[in-house]
Amino acid sequence: MIHGALLGKAAGTLVTGVVGAAAYNSVRWAVRNTPVREIAVTATAVGLRGARKAEEGAENVRLAAADIVAEARERIGEDAPPPSHPVGHGHTH
């Protein structure tokens, strides 16, 4: 009776080990045959495109805000300073 239980546990352990080894080998084969570099390059290209679109959007928002501020200054009679004009309060400290 003890031998039967021991043999049953050993058989279960053997089956678990064989299934685990097969799964491990399958994953190794898939990783080896998958073009990992190609996937990484594609993902990076997509990220760069997204970053460029975000930069374009931010630049458009900045320009629109500058137009609004310039128009508001014009309405109240202020001259808008040129973009390269340093902003300050007229004296040194």
Protein backbone atom coordinates (compact mmCIF):
# COMPACT_ATOMS: atom_id res chain seq x y z
CA MET A 1 0.00 0.00 0.00
CA ILE A 2 2.81 2.39 0.80
CA HIS A 3 4.52 1.45 -2.44
CA GLY A 4 1.37 2.24 -4.43
CA ALA A 5 1.02 5.70 -2.88
CA LEU A 6 4.71 6.40 -3.39
CA LEU A 7 4.53 5.21 -6.99
CA GLY A 8 1.46 7.43 -7.59
CA LYS A 9 3.24 10.52 -6.24
CA ALA A 10 6.33 9.75 -8.28
CA ALA A 11 4.25 9.38 -11.44
CA GLY A 12 2.51 12.72 -10.74
CA THR A 13 5.84 14.43 -10.18
CA LEU A 14 7.21 12.93 -13.39
CA VAL A 15 4.22 14.16 -15.41
CA THR A 16 4.51 17.63 -13.88
CA GLY A 17 8.22 17.74 -14.74
CA VAL A 18 7.64 16.62 -18.33
CA VAL A 19 4.88 19.21 -18.85
CA GLY A 20 7.05 21.92 -17.30
CA ALA A 21 10.01 21.02 -19.49
CA ALA A 22 7.84 21.04 -22.60
CA ALA A 23 6.43 24.46 -21.69
CA TYR A 24 9.93 25.81 -21.04
CA ASN A 25 11.21 24.52 -24.36
CA SER A 26 8.20 25.99 -26.18
CA VAL A 27 8.85 29.42 -24.69
CA ARG A 28 12.56 29.22 -25.55
CA TRP A 29 11.71 28.28 -29.14
CA ALA A 30 9.17 31.13 -29.46
CA VAL A 31 11.59 33.72 -28.08
CA ARG A 32 14.42 32.52 -30.30
CA ASN A 33 12.25 32.63 -33.43
CA THR A 34 10.52 35.94 -32.69
CA PRO A 35 12.27 38.94 -34.23
CA VAL A 36 12.74 40.76 -30.92
CA ARG A 37 14.84 43.51 -32.48
CA GLU A 38 12.20 44.13 -35.14
CA ILE A 39 9.52 44.47 -32.46
CA ALA A 40 11.72 46.86 -30.44
CA VAL A 41 12.47 49.03 -33.48
CA THR A 42 8.79 49.20 -34.44
CA ALA A 43 7.75 50.11 -30.91
CA THR A 44 10.41 52.84 -30.75
CA ALA A 45 9.31 54.25 -34.12
CA VAL A 46 5.71 54.43 -32.92
CA GLY A 47 6.86 56.18 -29.74
CA LEU A 48 8.89 58.72 -31.71
CA ARG A 49 5.94 59.48 -33.98
CA GLY A 50 3.73 60.00 -30.94
CA ALA A 51 6.28 62.31 -29.33
CA ARG A 52 6.56 64.38 -32.50
CA LYS A 53 2.77 64.72 -32.74
CA ALA A 54 2.66 65.81 -29.10
CA GLU A 55 5.37 68.41 -29.76
CA GLU A 56 3.43 69.73 -32.77
CA GLY A 57 0.29 69.98 -30.68
CA ALA A 58 2.11 71.81 -27.89
CA GLU A 59 3.61 74.26 -30.40
CA ASN A 60 0.16 74.92 -31.91
CA VAL A 61 -1.27 75.61 -28.45
CA ARG A 62 1.64 77.95 -27.64
CA LEU A 63 1.14 79.89 -30.89
CA ALA A 64 -2.61 80.14 -30.35
CA ALA A 65 -2.08 81.45 -26.82
CA ALA A 66 0.45 84.01 -28.08
CA ASP A 67 -2.06 85.19 -30.71
CA ILE A 68 -4.76 85.60 -28.06
CA VAL A 69 -2.44 87.59 -25.78
CA ALA A 70 -1.33 89.80 -28.67
CA GLU A 71 -4.92 90.50 -29.68
CA ALA A 72 -5.90 91.27 -26.09
CA ARG A 73 -3.00 93.71 -25.75
CA GLU A 74 -4.01 95.34 -29.03
CA ARG A 75 -7.58 95.82 -27.77
CA ILE A 76 -6.44 97.61 -24.64
CA GLY A 77 -3.99 99.77 -26.58
CA GLU A 78 -0.71 98.16 -25.57
CA ASP A 79 2.01 97.43 -28.03
CA ALA A 80 2.98 93.80 -27.99
CA PRO A 81 6.74 93.41 -27.52
CA PRO A 82 8.59 91.59 -30.29
CA PRO A 83 9.21 87.91 -29.49
CA SER A 84 12.94 88.47 -28.93
CA HIS A 85 12.45 91.51 -26.69
CA PRO A 86 13.56 90.77 -23.12
CA VAL A 87 10.78 91.13 -20.59
CA GLY A 88 11.71 93.14 -17.53
CA HIS A 89 10.73 96.12 -15.46
CA GLY A 90 13.17 98.72 -16.82
CA HIS A 91 16.01 98.85 -14.30
CA THR A 92 18.83 96.74 -12.91
CA HIS A 93 19.17 95.50 -9.37
